[in-house]
């Protein structure tokens, strides 16, 4: 079992800042104007790649700002649904039903809820949010890596998210989302690495529901 503090830190990190480490040798940089390594068309391609994902499942490892790491399976389904399953030993679940994100803690029988638009994950999930409107390209120094910084300057409390794509002809739109970096208003950072991507899977709607531990002590297995 994870300590209460560590569970809360790892779970909340998805709301206040999630990041996936960049490929070896590539640092995640503050937003800056795009240079020769990027072009305006890359932003269009990245947006198309995100919208081209109907369903996706990937393994993830998440590291919070204190260096705590936990892994599991991420399942995404458009529009707006996602599930971070940390495994049966974690007693923690993060899930979105398309409208709200929930952090479910079965050990202490608590549920926390955030509207999608108030989480940095809104850049991935909110079907009404225009990534292109709030995003700009960041120089990565590599022709094969595209970085997009997403933030709403009028709502800094919503946080900031840096999406990293690698060119891959087998991924939707020819770009694979390898990681993201999200920061809260205090610049607290978390890292979530994606691996073993699978696209176009059949994903049941029940994947994005949960048993409420406030009504029952049983966690579905």
N, C-alpha and C. Protein backbone atom coordinates (compact mmCIF):
# COMPACT_ATOMS: atom_id res chain seq x y z
N UNK A 1 0.83 -1.20 0.00
CA UNK A 1 0.00 0.00 0.00
C UNK A 1 0.87 1.26 0.00
N UNK A 2 0.44 2.27 -0.73
CA UNK A 2 1.14 3.55 -0.73
C UNK A 2 0.71 4.35 0.49
N UNK A 3 1.62 5.19 0.98
CA UNK A 3 1.23 6.10 2.05
C UNK A 3 0.19 7.07 1.52
N UNK A 4 -0.62 7.61 2.44
CA UNK A 4 -1.65 8.56 2.03
C UNK A 4 -1.02 9.75 1.32
N UNK A 5 0.10 10.28 1.87
CA UNK A 5 0.74 11.44 1.25
C UNK A 5 1.18 11.12 -0.17
N UNK A 6 1.80 9.95 -0.37
CA UNK A 6 2.32 9.63 -1.69
C UNK A 6 1.18 9.40 -2.67
N UNK A 7 0.09 8.76 -2.24
CA UNK A 7 -1.04 8.56 -3.13
C UNK A 7 -1.61 9.90 -3.56
N UNK A 8 -1.79 10.80 -2.60
CA UNK A 8 -2.34 12.10 -2.91
C UNK A 8 -1.44 12.88 -3.86
N UNK A 9 -0.13 12.81 -3.62
CA UNK A 9 0.81 13.54 -4.46
C UNK A 9 0.79 13.02 -5.88
N UNK A 10 0.83 11.70 -6.04
CA UNK A 10 0.87 11.12 -7.37
C UNK A 10 -0.43 11.33 -8.11
N UNK A 11 -1.55 11.19 -7.40
CA UNK A 11 -2.83 11.39 -8.05
C UNK A 11 -3.06 12.84 -8.43
N UNK A 12 -2.83 13.73 -7.48
CA UNK A 12 -3.06 15.15 -7.74
C UNK A 12 -2.13 15.69 -8.81
N UNK A 13 -0.99 15.06 -8.99
CA UNK A 13 -0.02 15.54 -9.98
C UNK A 13 -0.61 15.57 -11.38
N UNK A 14 -1.56 14.70 -11.65
CA UNK A 14 -2.17 14.71 -12.98
C UNK A 14 -3.03 15.95 -13.18
N UNK A 15 -3.42 16.59 -12.10
CA UNK A 15 -4.25 17.77 -12.21
C UNK A 15 -3.44 19.05 -12.14
N UNK A 16 -2.35 19.05 -11.38
CA UNK A 16 -1.56 20.27 -11.23
C UNK A 16 -0.33 20.26 -12.10
N UNK A 17 -0.10 19.18 -12.83
CA UNK A 17 1.05 19.17 -13.72
C UNK A 17 1.48 17.77 -14.01
N UNK A 18 1.40 17.35 -15.26
CA UNK A 18 1.86 16.02 -15.62
C UNK A 18 2.90 16.15 -16.68
N UNK A 19 3.96 15.38 -16.62
CA UNK A 19 5.01 15.50 -17.60
C UNK A 19 5.50 14.14 -17.98
N UNK A 20 5.92 14.01 -19.20
CA UNK A 20 6.58 12.80 -19.62
C UNK A 20 7.97 13.17 -20.02
N UNK A 21 8.94 12.44 -19.56
CA UNK A 21 10.33 12.81 -19.83
C UNK A 21 10.61 12.79 -21.32
N UNK A 22 11.42 13.70 -21.77
CA UNK A 22 11.78 13.78 -23.17
C UNK A 22 12.75 12.67 -23.53
N UNK A 23 12.90 12.38 -24.84
CA UNK A 23 13.88 11.40 -25.25
C UNK A 23 15.26 11.77 -24.73
N UNK A 24 16.10 10.78 -24.57
CA UNK A 24 17.43 10.99 -23.99
C UNK A 24 18.14 12.14 -24.69
N UNK A 25 18.67 13.04 -23.89
CA UNK A 25 19.43 14.16 -24.43
C UNK A 25 18.59 15.36 -24.80
N UNK A 26 17.25 15.23 -24.69
CA UNK A 26 16.39 16.34 -25.06
C UNK A 26 15.77 16.94 -23.80
N UNK A 27 16.09 18.18 -23.50
CA UNK A 27 15.53 18.83 -22.33
C UNK A 27 14.20 19.46 -22.70
N UNK A 28 13.27 19.49 -21.74
CA UNK A 28 12.02 20.20 -21.93
C UNK A 28 12.25 21.66 -21.59
N UNK A 29 12.00 22.54 -22.55
CA UNK A 29 12.38 23.94 -22.40
C UNK A 29 11.18 24.81 -22.16
N UNK A 30 11.38 25.99 -21.57
CA UNK A 30 10.30 26.97 -21.49
C UNK A 30 9.87 27.37 -22.89
N UNK A 31 8.64 27.84 -23.00
CA UNK A 31 8.13 28.23 -24.31
C UNK A 31 8.97 29.33 -24.91
N UNK A 32 9.20 29.23 -26.21
CA UNK A 32 9.95 30.24 -26.94
C UNK A 32 9.51 30.17 -28.40
N UNK A 33 9.81 31.18 -29.19
CA UNK A 33 9.39 31.14 -30.58
C UNK A 33 9.97 29.94 -31.32
N UNK A 34 9.20 29.40 -32.25
CA UNK A 34 9.69 28.29 -33.06
C UNK A 34 10.83 28.77 -33.95
N UNK A 35 11.76 27.84 -34.26
CA UNK A 35 12.88 28.18 -35.11
C UNK A 35 12.89 27.26 -36.32
N UNK A 36 14.02 27.11 -36.94
CA UNK A 36 14.10 26.35 -38.19
C UNK A 36 13.71 24.90 -38.03
N UNK A 37 13.84 24.36 -36.79
CA UNK A 37 13.51 22.95 -36.60
C UNK A 37 12.01 22.71 -36.65
N UNK A 38 11.20 23.75 -36.53
CA UNK A 38 9.77 23.60 -36.52
C UNK A 38 9.15 24.53 -37.56
N UNK A 39 7.89 24.28 -37.86
CA UNK A 39 7.18 25.13 -38.81
C UNK A 39 5.73 25.22 -38.38
N UNK A 40 5.03 26.22 -38.93
CA UNK A 40 3.63 26.39 -38.57
C UNK A 40 2.83 25.14 -38.89
N UNK A 41 3.22 24.44 -39.96
CA UNK A 41 2.51 23.22 -40.33
C UNK A 41 2.63 22.13 -39.29
N UNK A 42 3.70 22.14 -38.49
CA UNK A 42 3.86 21.14 -37.45
C UNK A 42 2.77 21.27 -36.39
N UNK A 43 2.34 22.48 -36.10
CA UNK A 43 1.27 22.67 -35.13
C UNK A 43 -0.03 22.08 -35.67
N UNK A 44 -0.32 22.31 -36.94
CA UNK A 44 -1.51 21.71 -37.54
C UNK A 44 -1.44 20.19 -37.51
N UNK A 45 -0.26 19.65 -37.80
CA UNK A 45 -0.11 18.20 -37.81
C UNK A 45 -0.28 17.60 -36.42
N UNK A 46 0.23 18.30 -35.40
CA UNK A 46 0.09 17.79 -34.04
C UNK A 46 -1.37 17.81 -33.60
N UNK A 47 -2.08 18.88 -33.93
CA UNK A 47 -3.50 18.95 -33.59
C UNK A 47 -4.27 17.84 -34.30
N UNK A 48 -3.96 17.62 -35.58
CA UNK A 48 -4.62 16.55 -36.33
C UNK A 48 -4.31 15.18 -35.73
N UNK A 49 -3.07 15.00 -35.26
CA UNK A 49 -2.68 13.73 -34.66
C UNK A 49 -3.49 13.46 -33.39
N UNK A 50 -3.67 14.49 -32.56
CA UNK A 50 -4.47 14.32 -31.35
C UNK A 50 -5.91 13.97 -31.70
N UNK A 51 -6.46 14.69 -32.66
CA UNK A 51 -7.86 14.44 -33.03
C UNK A 51 -8.03 13.12 -33.77
N UNK A 52 -6.91 12.59 -34.29
CA UNK A 52 -6.98 11.31 -35.01
C UNK A 52 -6.99 10.10 -34.10
N UNK A 53 -6.78 10.30 -32.81
CA UNK A 53 -6.80 9.18 -31.86
C UNK A 53 -8.24 8.92 -31.45
N UNK A 54 -8.80 7.80 -31.88
CA UNK A 54 -10.13 7.43 -31.43
C UNK A 54 -10.04 6.72 -30.08
N UNK A 55 -9.17 5.74 -30.01
CA UNK A 55 -8.87 5.08 -28.73
C UNK A 55 -7.37 4.80 -28.68
N UNK A 56 -6.84 4.79 -27.47
CA UNK A 56 -5.42 4.47 -27.28
C UNK A 56 -5.23 3.86 -25.90
N UNK A 57 -4.34 2.90 -25.83
CA UNK A 57 -3.91 2.36 -24.55
C UNK A 57 -2.40 2.35 -24.54
N UNK A 58 -1.81 2.74 -23.41
CA UNK A 58 -0.36 2.79 -23.30
C UNK A 58 0.05 2.53 -21.85
N UNK A 59 1.23 2.01 -21.67
CA UNK A 59 1.81 1.90 -20.34
C UNK A 59 2.34 3.28 -19.95
N UNK A 60 2.26 3.61 -18.67
CA UNK A 60 2.80 4.90 -18.24
C UNK A 60 3.58 4.74 -16.95
N UNK A 61 4.55 5.63 -16.78
CA UNK A 61 5.20 5.81 -15.49
C UNK A 61 5.13 7.29 -15.16
N UNK A 62 4.73 7.58 -13.95
CA UNK A 62 4.49 8.96 -13.52
C UNK A 62 5.43 9.29 -12.36
N UNK A 63 6.14 10.38 -12.49
CA UNK A 63 7.07 10.82 -11.45
C UNK A 63 6.69 12.21 -10.99
N UNK A 64 6.48 12.39 -9.70
CA UNK A 64 6.07 13.70 -9.21
C UNK A 64 7.28 14.57 -8.91
N UNK A 65 7.02 15.77 -8.44
CA UNK A 65 8.11 16.74 -8.24
C UNK A 65 9.07 16.33 -7.14
N UNK A 66 8.65 15.39 -6.28
CA UNK A 66 9.54 14.92 -5.21
C UNK A 66 10.32 13.68 -5.62
N UNK A 67 10.10 13.20 -6.86
CA UNK A 67 10.83 12.04 -7.34
C UNK A 67 10.13 10.72 -7.09
N UNK A 68 8.90 10.74 -6.53
CA UNK A 68 8.13 9.52 -6.35
C UNK A 68 7.61 9.04 -7.70
N UNK A 69 7.70 7.74 -7.94
CA UNK A 69 7.31 7.18 -9.24
C UNK A 69 6.32 6.04 -9.05
N UNK A 70 5.33 6.01 -9.93
CA UNK A 70 4.34 4.94 -9.93
C UNK A 70 3.95 4.67 -11.38
N UNK A 71 3.61 3.45 -11.70
CA UNK A 71 3.27 3.10 -13.07
C UNK A 71 1.92 2.45 -13.17
N UNK A 72 1.48 2.26 -14.42
CA UNK A 72 0.20 1.61 -14.65
C UNK A 72 -0.15 1.65 -16.11
N UNK A 73 -1.46 1.63 -16.38
CA UNK A 73 -1.97 1.62 -17.75
C UNK A 73 -2.90 2.80 -17.97
N UNK A 74 -2.66 3.53 -19.06
CA UNK A 74 -3.53 4.63 -19.45
C UNK A 74 -4.40 4.20 -20.62
N UNK A 75 -5.70 4.47 -20.53
CA UNK A 75 -6.63 4.19 -21.61
C UNK A 75 -7.34 5.49 -21.96
N UNK A 76 -7.37 5.84 -23.25
CA UNK A 76 -7.99 7.07 -23.71
C UNK A 76 -9.03 6.75 -24.77
N UNK A 77 -10.15 7.46 -24.71
CA UNK A 77 -11.19 7.32 -25.72
C UNK A 77 -11.80 8.68 -25.98
N UNK A 78 -11.86 9.04 -27.24
CA UNK A 78 -12.47 10.31 -27.62
C UNK A 78 -13.99 10.16 -27.63
N UNK A 79 -14.71 11.25 -27.24
CA UNK A 79 -14.16 12.51 -26.75
C UNK A 79 -14.11 12.55 -25.22
N UNK A 80 -12.97 12.95 -24.70
CA UNK A 80 -12.88 13.36 -23.32
C UNK A 80 -12.72 12.30 -22.25
N UNK A 81 -12.54 11.04 -22.62
CA UNK A 81 -12.47 9.99 -21.59
C UNK A 81 -11.05 9.47 -21.45
N UNK A 82 -10.63 9.26 -20.20
CA UNK A 82 -9.30 8.73 -19.93
C UNK A 82 -9.31 8.00 -18.59
N UNK A 83 -8.44 7.01 -18.48
CA UNK A 83 -8.32 6.25 -17.23
C UNK A 83 -6.86 5.97 -16.96
N UNK A 84 -6.38 6.36 -15.79
CA UNK A 84 -5.05 6.01 -15.31
C UNK A 84 -5.24 4.95 -14.21
N UNK A 85 -4.93 3.72 -14.55
CA UNK A 85 -5.09 2.62 -13.61
C UNK A 85 -3.72 2.27 -13.04
N UNK A 86 -3.54 2.47 -11.74
CA UNK A 86 -2.26 2.24 -11.09
C UNK A 86 -2.08 0.81 -10.61
N UNK A 87 -3.07 -0.04 -10.85
CA UNK A 87 -2.98 -1.42 -10.42
C UNK A 87 -3.66 -1.66 -9.09
N UNK A 88 -3.95 -2.92 -8.80
CA UNK A 88 -4.75 -3.24 -7.62
C UNK A 88 -4.05 -2.93 -6.31
N UNK A 89 -2.73 -2.90 -6.31
CA UNK A 89 -2.01 -2.65 -5.06
C UNK A 89 -1.97 -1.17 -4.69
N UNK A 90 -2.31 -0.29 -5.63
CA UNK A 90 -2.21 1.15 -5.38
C UNK A 90 -3.45 1.70 -4.68
N UNK A 91 -4.62 1.07 -4.87
CA UNK A 91 -5.88 1.56 -4.31
C UNK A 91 -6.16 3.00 -4.75
N UNK A 92 -5.71 3.35 -5.95
CA UNK A 92 -5.88 4.70 -6.48
C UNK A 92 -6.28 4.59 -7.95
N UNK A 93 -7.20 5.45 -8.35
CA UNK A 93 -7.67 5.48 -9.72
C UNK A 93 -7.91 6.92 -10.13
N UNK A 94 -7.48 7.29 -11.33
CA UNK A 94 -7.79 8.59 -11.92
C UNK A 94 -8.55 8.33 -13.20
N UNK A 95 -9.75 8.92 -13.32
CA UNK A 95 -10.61 8.59 -14.47
C UNK A 95 -11.44 9.81 -14.86
N UNK A 96 -11.66 9.96 -16.16
CA UNK A 96 -12.55 11.00 -16.68
C UNK A 96 -13.69 10.34 -17.45
N UNK A 97 -14.90 10.81 -17.20
CA UNK A 97 -16.07 10.29 -17.91
C UNK A 97 -16.46 11.15 -19.10
N UNK A 98 -15.61 12.10 -19.46
CA UNK A 98 -15.89 12.99 -20.57
C UNK A 98 -16.29 14.38 -20.14
N UNK A 99 -16.69 14.52 -18.88
CA UNK A 99 -17.09 15.82 -18.35
C UNK A 99 -16.20 16.25 -17.19
N UNK A 100 -15.88 15.30 -16.34
CA UNK A 100 -15.10 15.61 -15.14
C UNK A 100 -14.01 14.59 -14.93
N UNK A 101 -12.93 15.03 -14.29
CA UNK A 101 -11.85 14.14 -13.87
C UNK A 101 -12.04 13.80 -12.39
N UNK A 102 -11.84 12.53 -12.07
CA UNK A 102 -12.00 12.08 -10.69
C UNK A 102 -10.71 11.41 -10.22
N UNK A 103 -10.32 11.70 -8.98
CA UNK A 103 -9.28 10.94 -8.31
C UNK A 103 -9.97 10.14 -7.21
N UNK A 104 -9.90 8.82 -7.35
CA UNK A 104 -10.62 7.92 -6.44
C UNK A 104 -9.61 7.20 -5.56
N UNK A 105 -9.72 7.40 -4.26
CA UNK A 105 -8.81 6.77 -3.30
C UNK A 105 -9.63 5.76 -2.49
N UNK A 106 -9.40 4.47 -2.79
CA UNK A 106 -10.19 3.42 -2.15
C UNK A 106 -9.75 3.15 -0.72
N UNK A 107 -8.52 3.45 -0.39
CA UNK A 107 -8.07 3.16 0.96
C UNK A 107 -8.71 4.08 1.99
N UNK A 108 -8.81 5.36 1.65
CA UNK A 108 -9.40 6.30 2.60
C UNK A 108 -10.83 6.67 2.20
N UNK A 109 -11.34 6.03 1.12
CA UNK A 109 -12.72 6.20 0.68
C UNK A 109 -13.05 7.65 0.37
N UNK A 110 -12.24 8.25 -0.47
CA UNK A 110 -12.45 9.64 -0.87
C UNK A 110 -12.47 9.75 -2.39
N UNK A 111 -13.23 10.72 -2.87
CA UNK A 111 -13.29 11.02 -4.31
C UNK A 111 -13.15 12.52 -4.48
N UNK A 112 -12.22 12.94 -5.32
CA UNK A 112 -12.06 14.35 -5.65
C UNK A 112 -12.39 14.55 -7.12
N UNK A 113 -13.01 15.67 -7.43
CA UNK A 113 -13.51 15.92 -8.79
C UNK A 113 -13.06 17.29 -9.27
N UNK A 114 -12.66 17.34 -10.55
CA UNK A 114 -12.30 18.59 -11.22
C UNK A 114 -12.96 18.62 -12.59
N UNK A 115 -13.52 19.75 -13.00
CA UNK A 115 -13.96 19.88 -14.40
C UNK A 115 -12.75 19.73 -15.32
N UNK A 116 -12.94 19.09 -16.45
CA UNK A 116 -11.83 18.86 -17.38
C UNK A 116 -11.14 20.16 -17.74
N UNK A 117 -11.91 21.20 -17.94
CA UNK A 117 -11.32 22.46 -18.43
C UNK A 117 -10.37 23.07 -17.42
N UNK A 118 -10.45 22.67 -16.13
CA UNK A 118 -9.58 23.24 -15.10
C UNK A 118 -8.35 22.39 -14.83
N UNK A 119 -8.14 21.39 -15.65
CA UNK A 119 -6.95 20.55 -15.51
C UNK A 119 -6.06 20.75 -16.72
N UNK A 120 -4.72 20.66 -16.53
CA UNK A 120 -3.84 20.68 -17.70
C UNK A 120 -4.17 19.57 -18.69
N UNK A 121 -4.77 18.48 -18.22
CA UNK A 121 -5.15 17.41 -19.12
C UNK A 121 -6.25 17.82 -20.08
N UNK A 122 -6.85 18.98 -19.84
CA UNK A 122 -7.87 19.47 -20.75
C UNK A 122 -7.37 19.62 -22.18
N UNK A 123 -6.09 19.87 -22.33
CA UNK A 123 -5.51 19.98 -23.67
C UNK A 123 -5.64 18.67 -24.44
N UNK A 124 -5.67 17.56 -23.71
CA UNK A 124 -5.84 16.25 -24.35
C UNK A 124 -7.30 15.84 -24.43
N UNK A 125 -8.09 16.24 -23.44
CA UNK A 125 -9.40 15.63 -23.27
C UNK A 125 -10.59 16.48 -23.67
N UNK A 126 -10.52 17.79 -23.44
CA UNK A 126 -11.69 18.62 -23.63
C UNK A 126 -11.98 18.79 -25.12
N UNK A 127 -13.07 18.23 -25.63
CA UNK A 127 -13.33 18.31 -27.06
C UNK A 127 -13.65 19.71 -27.55
N UNK A 128 -13.96 20.63 -26.62
CA UNK A 128 -14.27 22.00 -27.01
C UNK A 128 -13.07 22.92 -26.92
N UNK A 129 -11.97 22.41 -26.40
CA UNK A 129 -10.79 23.26 -26.23
C UNK A 129 -9.93 23.19 -27.48
N UNK A 130 -9.58 24.34 -28.01
CA UNK A 130 -8.79 24.43 -29.23
C UNK A 130 -7.31 24.47 -28.87
N UNK A 131 -6.63 23.34 -29.02
CA UNK A 131 -5.21 23.29 -28.70
C UNK A 131 -4.44 24.31 -29.53
N UNK A 132 -4.84 24.47 -30.77
CA UNK A 132 -4.13 25.39 -31.66
C UNK A 132 -4.27 26.83 -31.19
N UNK A 133 -5.42 27.17 -30.62
CA UNK A 133 -5.64 28.54 -30.16
C UNK A 133 -4.73 28.88 -28.99
N UNK A 134 -4.48 27.91 -28.10
CA UNK A 134 -3.70 28.17 -26.90
C UNK A 134 -2.28 27.62 -26.97
N UNK A 135 -1.95 26.95 -28.07
CA UNK A 135 -0.65 26.31 -28.16
C UNK A 135 0.30 27.03 -29.10
N UNK A 136 1.60 26.90 -28.81
CA UNK A 136 2.61 27.40 -29.74
C UNK A 136 3.79 26.44 -29.73
N UNK A 137 4.49 26.41 -30.84
CA UNK A 137 5.61 25.50 -31.00
C UNK A 137 6.81 25.95 -30.17
N UNK A 138 7.55 24.96 -29.68
CA UNK A 138 8.78 25.19 -28.94
C UNK A 138 9.91 24.49 -29.67
N UNK A 139 11.03 25.16 -29.82
CA UNK A 139 12.18 24.56 -30.49
C UNK A 139 12.71 23.38 -29.67
N UNK A 140 12.89 22.24 -30.32
CA UNK A 140 13.45 21.06 -29.64
C UNK A 140 14.86 20.74 -30.09
N UNK A 141 15.31 21.38 -31.17
CA UNK A 141 16.63 21.08 -31.70
C UNK A 141 16.66 19.81 -32.52
N UNK A 142 15.50 19.22 -32.80
CA UNK A 142 15.43 17.97 -33.57
C UNK A 142 14.30 18.06 -34.58
N UNK A 143 14.57 17.60 -35.81
CA UNK A 143 13.53 17.58 -36.83
C UNK A 143 12.47 16.52 -36.56
N UNK A 144 12.79 15.54 -35.73
CA UNK A 144 11.88 14.43 -35.48
C UNK A 144 11.02 14.62 -34.25
N UNK A 145 11.26 15.67 -33.49
CA UNK A 145 10.53 15.88 -32.24
C UNK A 145 9.80 17.22 -32.31
N UNK A 146 8.51 17.20 -32.00
CA UNK A 146 7.69 18.40 -32.00
C UNK A 146 7.19 18.65 -30.58
N UNK A 147 7.37 19.86 -30.11
CA UNK A 147 6.95 20.25 -28.77
C UNK A 147 5.97 21.40 -28.87
N UNK A 148 4.83 21.27 -28.19
CA UNK A 148 3.81 22.31 -28.19
C UNK A 148 3.51 22.72 -26.76
N UNK A 149 3.66 24.00 -26.48
CA UNK A 149 3.35 24.54 -25.17
C UNK A 149 1.91 25.03 -25.17
N UNK A 150 1.08 24.49 -24.27
CA UNK A 150 -0.34 24.83 -24.22
C UNK A 150 -0.66 25.49 -22.89
N UNK A 151 -1.19 26.69 -22.96
CA UNK A 151 -1.63 27.39 -21.76
C UNK A 151 -2.59 28.50 -22.15
N UNK A 152 -3.47 28.84 -21.23
CA UNK A 152 -4.42 29.93 -21.43
C UNK A 152 -3.89 31.14 -20.66
N UNK A 153 -3.38 32.15 -21.36
CA UNK A 153 -2.80 33.31 -20.65
C UNK A 153 -3.80 34.05 -19.79
N UNK A 154 -5.08 33.88 -20.08
CA UNK A 154 -6.11 34.55 -19.28
C UNK A 154 -6.49 33.75 -18.04
N UNK A 155 -6.04 32.48 -17.97
CA UNK A 155 -6.36 31.63 -16.82
C UNK A 155 -5.11 30.87 -16.37
N UNK A 156 -4.13 31.57 -15.84
CA UNK A 156 -2.88 30.91 -15.44
C UNK A 156 -3.10 29.86 -14.36
N UNK A 157 -4.20 29.97 -13.61
CA UNK A 157 -4.45 28.99 -12.55
C UNK A 157 -4.78 27.61 -13.10
N UNK A 158 -5.09 27.52 -14.40
CA UNK A 158 -5.39 26.24 -15.01
C UNK A 158 -4.13 25.44 -15.30
N UNK A 159 -2.98 26.07 -15.18
CA UNK A 159 -1.73 25.36 -15.42
C UNK A 159 -1.27 25.44 -16.87
N UNK A 160 -0.21 24.73 -17.13
CA UNK A 160 0.46 24.78 -18.43
C UNK A 160 0.89 23.38 -18.81
N UNK A 161 0.77 23.05 -20.08
CA UNK A 161 1.09 21.70 -20.51
C UNK A 161 1.97 21.75 -21.75
N UNK A 162 3.00 20.94 -21.76
CA UNK A 162 3.92 20.85 -22.88
C UNK A 162 3.79 19.45 -23.48
N UNK A 163 3.25 19.38 -24.69
CA UNK A 163 3.02 18.10 -25.37
C UNK A 163 4.19 17.80 -26.29
N UNK A 164 4.72 16.58 -26.20
CA UNK A 164 5.88 16.18 -27.00
C UNK A 164 5.48 15.04 -27.94
N UNK A 165 5.74 15.23 -29.21
CA UNK A 165 5.44 14.23 -30.24
C UNK A 165 6.73 13.82 -30.94
N UNK A 166 6.79 12.57 -31.36
CA UNK A 166 7.88 12.07 -32.18
C UNK A 166 7.29 11.58 -33.49
N UNK A 167 7.93 11.90 -34.58
CA UNK A 167 7.42 11.45 -35.88
C UNK A 167 7.46 9.93 -35.96
N UNK A 168 6.30 9.35 -36.31
CA UNK A 168 6.16 7.91 -36.39
C UNK A 168 5.08 7.59 -37.42
N UNK A 169 5.43 6.99 -38.55
CA UNK A 169 4.44 6.76 -39.60
C UNK A 169 3.32 5.80 -39.18
N UNK A 170 3.52 5.05 -38.11
CA UNK A 170 2.51 4.10 -37.66
C UNK A 170 1.51 4.70 -36.68
N UNK A 171 1.72 5.93 -36.29
CA UNK A 171 0.83 6.60 -35.34
C UNK A 171 -0.17 7.47 -36.10
N UNK A 172 -1.32 7.78 -35.50
CA UNK A 172 -2.29 8.66 -36.15
C UNK A 172 -1.65 9.99 -36.54
N UNK A 173 -1.86 10.40 -37.78
CA UNK A 173 -1.29 11.64 -38.25
C UNK A 173 0.21 11.64 -38.40
N UNK A 174 0.84 10.47 -38.24
CA UNK A 174 2.28 10.37 -38.39
C UNK A 174 3.07 10.90 -37.20
N UNK A 175 2.37 11.19 -36.10
CA UNK A 175 3.03 11.70 -34.89
C UNK A 175 2.56 10.90 -33.68
N UNK A 176 3.50 10.49 -32.84
CA UNK A 176 3.15 9.75 -31.63
C UNK A 176 3.41 10.62 -30.41
N UNK A 177 2.40 10.75 -29.57
CA UNK A 177 2.55 11.47 -28.31
C UNK A 177 3.37 10.61 -27.36
N UNK A 178 4.59 11.01 -27.09
CA UNK A 178 5.47 10.22 -26.23
C UNK A 178 5.41 10.67 -24.78
N UNK A 179 5.09 11.94 -24.56
CA UNK A 179 4.99 12.44 -23.21
C UNK A 179 4.40 13.83 -23.18
N UNK A 180 4.06 14.28 -22.00
CA UNK A 180 3.67 15.66 -21.81
C UNK A 180 4.26 16.18 -20.52
N UNK A 181 4.42 17.51 -20.45
CA UNK A 181 4.94 18.18 -19.27
C UNK A 181 3.89 19.21 -18.86
N UNK A 182 3.42 19.12 -17.61
CA UNK A 182 2.44 20.10 -17.14
C UNK A 182 2.92 20.71 -15.85
N UNK A 183 2.69 22.00 -15.72
CA UNK A 183 3.09 22.76 -14.54
C UNK A 183 1.89 23.47 -13.97
N UNK A 184 1.84 23.57 -12.63
CA UNK A 184 0.79 24.37 -12.04
C UNK A 184 1.26 25.81 -11.92
N UNK A 185 0.45 26.64 -11.27
CA UNK A 185 0.79 28.06 -11.18
C UNK A 185 2.06 28.30 -10.37
N UNK A 186 2.45 27.32 -9.54
CA UNK A 186 3.67 27.43 -8.74
C UNK A 186 4.85 26.71 -9.40
N UNK A 187 4.67 26.30 -10.65
CA UNK A 187 5.71 25.60 -11.41
C UNK A 187 6.07 24.24 -10.82
N UNK A 188 5.14 23.60 -10.13
CA UNK A 188 5.34 22.23 -9.69
C UNK A 188 5.16 21.30 -10.89
N UNK A 189 6.06 20.35 -11.02
CA UNK A 189 6.17 19.56 -12.24
C UNK A 189 6.08 18.06 -11.93
N UNK A 190 5.49 17.33 -12.85
CA UNK A 190 5.39 15.87 -12.74
C UNK A 190 5.72 15.26 -14.09
N UNK A 191 6.23 14.04 -14.10
CA UNK A 191 6.63 13.40 -15.35
C UNK A 191 5.86 12.11 -15.56
N UNK A 192 5.23 11.97 -16.72
CA UNK A 192 4.51 10.75 -17.08
C UNK A 192 5.05 10.26 -18.42
N UNK A 193 5.66 9.11 -18.43
CA UNK A 193 6.21 8.55 -19.66
C UNK A 193 5.23 7.56 -20.27
N UNK A 194 5.04 7.64 -21.57
CA UNK A 194 4.18 6.69 -22.27
C UNK A 194 5.01 5.71 -23.08
N UNK A 195 4.57 4.46 -23.12
CA UNK A 195 5.27 3.43 -23.88
C UNK A 195 4.26 2.38 -24.32
N UNK A 196 4.65 1.61 -25.34
CA UNK A 196 3.82 0.50 -25.82
C UNK A 196 2.44 0.98 -26.22
N UNK A 197 2.38 2.00 -27.07
CA UNK A 197 1.11 2.55 -27.54
C UNK A 197 0.34 1.53 -28.37
N UNK A 198 -0.97 1.43 -28.14
CA UNK A 198 -1.86 0.62 -28.97
C UNK A 198 -3.04 1.49 -29.36
N UNK A 199 -3.34 1.53 -30.66
CA UNK A 199 -4.39 2.40 -31.18
C UNK A 199 -5.57 1.59 -31.73
N UNK A 200 -6.74 2.25 -31.75
CA UNK A 200 -7.90 1.67 -32.40
C UNK A 200 -8.48 0.45 -31.71
N UNK A 201 -8.27 0.35 -30.40
CA UNK A 201 -8.80 -0.78 -29.66
C UNK A 201 -10.28 -0.58 -29.38
N UNK A 202 -10.97 -1.68 -29.15
CA UNK A 202 -12.35 -1.61 -28.68
C UNK A 202 -12.32 -1.36 -27.18
N UNK A 203 -12.87 -0.24 -26.74
CA UNK A 203 -12.84 0.13 -25.32
C UNK A 203 -14.27 0.34 -24.84
N UNK A 204 -14.68 -0.43 -23.86
CA UNK A 204 -16.03 -0.34 -23.33
C UNK A 204 -16.23 0.96 -22.55
N UNK A 205 -17.45 1.50 -22.58
CA UNK A 205 -17.75 2.71 -21.82
C UNK A 205 -17.58 2.49 -20.32
N UNK A 206 -17.75 1.26 -19.87
CA UNK A 206 -17.60 0.96 -18.44
C UNK A 206 -16.18 1.18 -17.94
N UNK A 207 -15.21 1.28 -18.87
CA UNK A 207 -13.83 1.55 -18.48
C UNK A 207 -13.72 2.87 -17.74
N UNK A 208 -14.63 3.80 -18.02
CA UNK A 208 -14.53 5.15 -17.49
C UNK A 208 -15.56 5.41 -16.38
N UNK A 209 -16.00 4.34 -15.76
CA UNK A 209 -16.84 4.44 -14.57
C UNK A 209 -16.07 3.87 -13.39
N UNK A 210 -16.59 4.06 -12.19
CA UNK A 210 -15.91 3.53 -11.01
C UNK A 210 -16.93 3.29 -9.90
N UNK A 211 -16.62 2.36 -9.02
CA UNK A 211 -17.41 2.16 -7.81
C UNK A 211 -17.03 3.22 -6.80
N UNK A 212 -18.02 3.92 -6.31
CA UNK A 212 -17.76 5.02 -5.38
C UNK A 212 -17.44 4.46 -4.00
N UNK A 213 -16.22 4.65 -3.50
CA UNK A 213 -15.85 4.09 -2.20
C UNK A 213 -16.55 4.75 -1.03
N UNK A 214 -17.20 5.87 -1.26
CA UNK A 214 -17.97 6.51 -0.19
C UNK A 214 -19.24 5.75 0.12
N UNK A 215 -19.64 4.90 -0.84
CA UNK A 215 -20.84 4.09 -0.64
C UNK A 215 -20.51 2.63 -0.38
N UNK A 216 -19.29 2.22 -0.78
CA UNK A 216 -18.90 0.82 -0.63
C UNK A 216 -17.40 0.74 -0.41
N UNK A 217 -16.97 -0.21 0.40
CA UNK A 217 -15.54 -0.40 0.64
C UNK A 217 -14.88 -1.27 -0.40
N UNK A 218 -15.67 -1.79 -1.32
CA UNK A 218 -15.15 -2.73 -2.32
C UNK A 218 -14.61 -1.98 -3.52
N UNK A 219 -13.43 -2.30 -3.95
CA UNK A 219 -12.89 -1.77 -5.18
C UNK A 219 -13.00 -2.84 -6.26
N UNK A 220 -13.51 -2.48 -7.47
CA UNK A 220 -13.59 -3.45 -8.54
C UNK A 220 -12.21 -3.90 -8.97
N UNK A 221 -12.07 -5.20 -9.23
CA UNK A 221 -10.79 -5.76 -9.65
C UNK A 221 -10.85 -6.19 -11.11
